Amino acid sequence: MRLNPLTTEKAVLMIEAENVLTFQTNKGTSKKEIQKEIESLFNVKIEKVRTLVKGNKKHAYVKLKKEFPALDVATKLGIM
């Protein structure tokens, strides 16, 4: 599985306003797989995962629990 963070203007606004990180992944990846991967990589807990399929790619919107700021994870990734 491959997770690529999105760095669009909308993605950055969602990090700041809604504590949501946005990733692009393979179309066949399930929400549970995305959740397990992000929780293990960044040592955070996830409240909710939403997905959107665009063509051959899937976008995952990952909402972190309040005690885990998305801004900290985005800084580790080099987005912010």
N, C-alpha and C. Protein backbone atom coordinates (compact mmCIF):
# COMPACT_ATOMS: atom_id res chain seq x y z
N MET A 1 0.86 -1.18 0.00
CA MET A 1 0.00 0.00 0.00
C MET A 1 0.89 1.24 0.00
N ARG A 2 0.42 2.23 -0.69
CA ARG A 2 1.18 3.46 -0.81
C ARG A 2 0.31 4.64 -0.42
N LEU A 3 0.78 5.43 0.53
CA LEU A 3 0.06 6.63 0.96
C LEU A 3 0.89 7.86 0.61
N ASN A 4 0.32 8.72 -0.22
CA ASN A 4 0.99 9.97 -0.57
C ASN A 4 0.17 11.12 0.00
N PRO A 5 0.78 11.96 0.84
CA PRO A 5 0.02 13.10 1.38
C PRO A 5 -0.26 14.14 0.30
N LEU A 6 -1.45 14.70 0.31
CA LEU A 6 -1.81 15.75 -0.64
C LEU A 6 -1.50 17.10 -0.01
N THR A 7 -0.96 18.00 -0.81
CA THR A 7 -0.55 19.31 -0.30
C THR A 7 -1.27 20.44 -1.01
N THR A 8 -2.50 20.20 -1.40
CA THR A 8 -3.28 21.25 -2.05
C THR A 8 -3.71 22.29 -1.03
N GLU A 9 -4.18 23.41 -1.51
CA GLU A 9 -4.65 24.47 -0.61
C GLU A 9 -5.80 23.97 0.26
N LYS A 10 -6.71 23.22 -0.35
CA LYS A 10 -7.85 22.68 0.39
C LYS A 10 -7.38 21.70 1.48
N ALA A 11 -6.39 20.88 1.15
CA ALA A 11 -5.87 19.91 2.13
C ALA A 11 -5.25 20.63 3.33
N VAL A 12 -4.52 21.71 3.07
CA VAL A 12 -3.90 22.47 4.15
C VAL A 12 -4.96 23.14 5.02
N LEU A 13 -6.01 23.67 4.39
CA LEU A 13 -7.10 24.28 5.16
C LEU A 13 -7.80 23.24 6.04
N MET A 14 -7.96 22.02 5.53
CA MET A 14 -8.61 20.97 6.32
C MET A 14 -7.74 20.55 7.52
N ILE A 15 -6.42 20.61 7.36
CA ILE A 15 -5.52 20.30 8.48
C ILE A 15 -5.75 21.31 9.60
N GLU A 16 -5.79 22.59 9.23
CA GLU A 16 -5.91 23.64 10.23
C GLU A 16 -7.31 23.72 10.84
N ALA A 17 -8.35 23.60 10.02
CA ALA A 17 -9.71 23.83 10.50
C ALA A 17 -10.38 22.59 11.08
N GLU A 18 -10.12 21.41 10.50
CA GLU A 18 -10.90 20.22 10.86
C GLU A 18 -10.08 19.07 11.43
N ASN A 19 -8.75 19.25 11.59
CA ASN A 19 -7.88 18.19 12.09
C ASN A 19 -7.92 16.96 11.17
N VAL A 20 -7.94 17.22 9.83
CA VAL A 20 -8.05 16.16 8.83
C VAL A 20 -6.81 16.17 7.94
N LEU A 21 -6.24 14.98 7.75
CA LEU A 21 -5.13 14.80 6.81
C LEU A 21 -5.68 14.16 5.55
N THR A 22 -5.13 14.52 4.39
CA THR A 22 -5.59 13.99 3.11
C THR A 22 -4.46 13.23 2.44
N PHE A 23 -4.76 12.00 2.03
CA PHE A 23 -3.77 11.14 1.37
C PHE A 23 -4.34 10.61 0.07
N GLN A 24 -3.44 10.30 -0.86
CA GLN A 24 -3.83 9.63 -2.09
C GLN A 24 -3.27 8.22 -2.00
N THR A 25 -4.07 7.22 -2.36
CA THR A 25 -3.66 5.84 -2.23
C THR A 25 -4.19 5.02 -3.40
N ASN A 26 -3.88 3.74 -3.40
CA ASN A 26 -4.36 2.85 -4.45
C ASN A 26 -5.86 2.63 -4.32
N LYS A 27 -6.51 2.39 -5.44
CA LYS A 27 -7.97 2.24 -5.45
C LYS A 27 -8.45 1.04 -4.62
N GLY A 28 -7.66 0.00 -4.53
CA GLY A 28 -8.08 -1.21 -3.82
C GLY A 28 -7.86 -1.21 -2.32
N THR A 29 -7.31 -0.13 -1.78
CA THR A 29 -7.01 -0.06 -0.35
C THR A 29 -8.27 0.21 0.46
N SER A 30 -8.48 -0.57 1.52
CA SER A 30 -9.68 -0.40 2.34
C SER A 30 -9.45 0.66 3.42
N LYS A 31 -10.55 1.14 4.00
CA LYS A 31 -10.48 2.14 5.07
C LYS A 31 -9.73 1.59 6.28
N LYS A 32 -9.95 0.32 6.61
CA LYS A 32 -9.27 -0.30 7.76
C LYS A 32 -7.77 -0.36 7.53
N GLU A 33 -7.35 -0.68 6.29
CA GLU A 33 -5.92 -0.73 5.99
C GLU A 33 -5.29 0.66 6.11
N ILE A 34 -6.00 1.68 5.62
CA ILE A 34 -5.52 3.06 5.71
C ILE A 34 -5.38 3.45 7.18
N GLN A 35 -6.40 3.13 7.97
CA GLN A 35 -6.39 3.48 9.40
C GLN A 35 -5.22 2.81 10.12
N LYS A 36 -5.03 1.51 9.92
CA LYS A 36 -3.94 0.80 10.59
C LYS A 36 -2.58 1.36 10.20
N GLU A 37 -2.40 1.64 8.92
CA GLU A 37 -1.12 2.15 8.41
C GLU A 37 -0.78 3.50 9.03
N ILE A 38 -1.73 4.43 9.05
CA ILE A 38 -1.47 5.77 9.57
C ILE A 38 -1.27 5.73 11.08
N GLU A 39 -2.08 4.94 11.79
CA GLU A 39 -1.92 4.84 13.24
C GLU A 39 -0.55 4.28 13.61
N SER A 40 -0.06 3.30 12.85
CA SER A 40 1.24 2.72 13.18
C SER A 40 2.39 3.64 12.75
N LEU A 41 2.27 4.31 11.60
CA LEU A 41 3.35 5.18 11.12
C LEU A 41 3.56 6.41 11.99
N PHE A 42 2.47 7.04 12.40
CA PHE A 42 2.57 8.33 13.09
C PHE A 42 2.21 8.28 14.57
N ASN A 43 1.88 7.08 15.09
CA ASN A 43 1.56 6.90 16.50
C ASN A 43 0.42 7.83 16.94
N VAL A 44 -0.68 7.81 16.18
CA VAL A 44 -1.87 8.62 16.47
C VAL A 44 -3.09 7.71 16.49
N LYS A 45 -4.21 8.26 16.95
CA LYS A 45 -5.48 7.54 16.92
C LYS A 45 -6.42 8.27 15.95
N ILE A 46 -7.17 7.51 15.18
CA ILE A 46 -8.04 8.07 14.14
C ILE A 46 -9.49 7.97 14.57
N GLU A 47 -10.20 9.08 14.36
CA GLU A 47 -11.63 9.12 14.67
C GLU A 47 -12.44 8.56 13.50
N LYS A 48 -12.07 8.94 12.26
CA LYS A 48 -12.88 8.57 11.11
C LYS A 48 -12.04 8.62 9.84
N VAL A 49 -12.34 7.71 8.90
CA VAL A 49 -11.70 7.72 7.58
C VAL A 49 -12.80 7.79 6.53
N ARG A 50 -12.72 8.81 5.67
CA ARG A 50 -13.63 8.92 4.53
C ARG A 50 -12.80 8.75 3.27
N THR A 51 -13.39 8.16 2.23
CA THR A 51 -12.65 7.97 0.98
C THR A 51 -13.47 8.49 -0.19
N LEU A 52 -12.74 8.86 -1.23
CA LEU A 52 -13.34 9.35 -2.46
C LEU A 52 -12.53 8.79 -3.62
N VAL A 53 -13.20 8.10 -4.54
CA VAL A 53 -12.51 7.53 -5.69
C VAL A 53 -12.61 8.50 -6.86
N LYS A 54 -11.44 8.87 -7.40
CA LYS A 54 -11.37 9.75 -8.57
C LYS A 54 -10.58 9.01 -9.64
N GLY A 55 -11.28 8.54 -10.65
CA GLY A 55 -10.60 7.80 -11.71
C GLY A 55 -9.99 6.52 -11.18
N ASN A 56 -8.67 6.41 -11.29
CA ASN A 56 -7.98 5.20 -10.84
C ASN A 56 -7.33 5.40 -9.48
N LYS A 57 -7.59 6.53 -8.83
CA LYS A 57 -6.96 6.84 -7.55
C LYS A 57 -8.01 7.04 -6.47
N LYS A 58 -7.61 6.82 -5.25
CA LYS A 58 -8.49 6.99 -4.10
C LYS A 58 -7.91 8.05 -3.19
N HIS A 59 -8.74 8.98 -2.75
CA HIS A 59 -8.32 10.00 -1.80
C HIS A 59 -8.91 9.62 -0.44
N ALA A 60 -8.07 9.63 0.58
CA ALA A 60 -8.50 9.28 1.93
C ALA A 60 -8.44 10.53 2.80
N TYR A 61 -9.55 10.86 3.42
CA TYR A 61 -9.63 11.99 4.36
C TYR A 61 -9.65 11.39 5.76
N VAL A 62 -8.56 11.60 6.50
CA VAL A 62 -8.36 10.96 7.80
C VAL A 62 -8.51 11.99 8.91
N LYS A 63 -9.58 11.84 9.70
CA LYS A 63 -9.82 12.76 10.82
C LYS A 63 -9.20 12.15 12.07
N LEU A 64 -8.26 12.90 12.66
CA LEU A 64 -7.59 12.43 13.87
C LEU A 64 -8.40 12.80 15.11
N LYS A 65 -8.22 12.04 16.17
CA LYS A 65 -8.87 12.38 17.44
C LYS A 65 -8.30 13.70 17.96
N LYS A 66 -9.08 14.40 18.78
CA LYS A 66 -8.73 15.76 19.22
C LYS A 66 -7.37 15.84 19.92
N GLU A 67 -7.00 14.80 20.65
CA GLU A 67 -5.73 14.86 21.39
C GLU A 67 -4.50 14.68 20.49
N PHE A 68 -4.71 14.42 19.19
CA PHE A 68 -3.62 14.28 18.23
C PHE A 68 -3.76 15.33 17.14
N PRO A 69 -3.06 16.46 17.24
CA PRO A 69 -3.19 17.52 16.24
C PRO A 69 -2.64 17.10 14.87
N ALA A 70 -3.44 17.30 13.84
CA ALA A 70 -3.02 16.98 12.47
C ALA A 70 -1.84 17.86 12.05
N LEU A 71 -1.76 19.03 12.64
CA LEU A 71 -0.67 19.96 12.32
C LEU A 71 0.70 19.34 12.67
N ASP A 72 0.77 18.59 13.77
CA ASP A 72 2.02 17.93 14.16
C ASP A 72 2.43 16.87 13.13
N VAL A 73 1.47 16.08 12.67
CA VAL A 73 1.75 15.05 11.67
C VAL A 73 2.14 15.71 10.35
N ALA A 74 1.45 16.77 9.98
CA ALA A 74 1.75 17.48 8.73
C ALA A 74 3.17 18.07 8.78
N THR A 75 3.59 18.52 9.94
CA THR A 75 4.95 19.07 10.09
C THR A 75 5.97 17.95 9.90
N LYS A 76 5.70 16.76 10.46
CA LYS A 76 6.60 15.61 10.28
C LYS A 76 6.71 15.23 8.80
N LEU A 77 5.59 15.34 8.08
CA LEU A 77 5.58 14.99 6.67
C LEU A 77 6.19 16.05 5.78
N GLY A 78 6.38 17.25 6.33
CA GLY A 78 6.94 18.34 5.55
C GLY A 78 5.91 19.12 4.76
N ILE A 79 4.62 18.95 5.08
CA ILE A 79 3.55 19.68 4.40
C ILE A 79 3.50 21.12 4.89
N MET A 80 3.66 21.30 6.20
CA MET A 80 3.57 22.62 6.81
C MET A 80 4.95 23.17 7.12
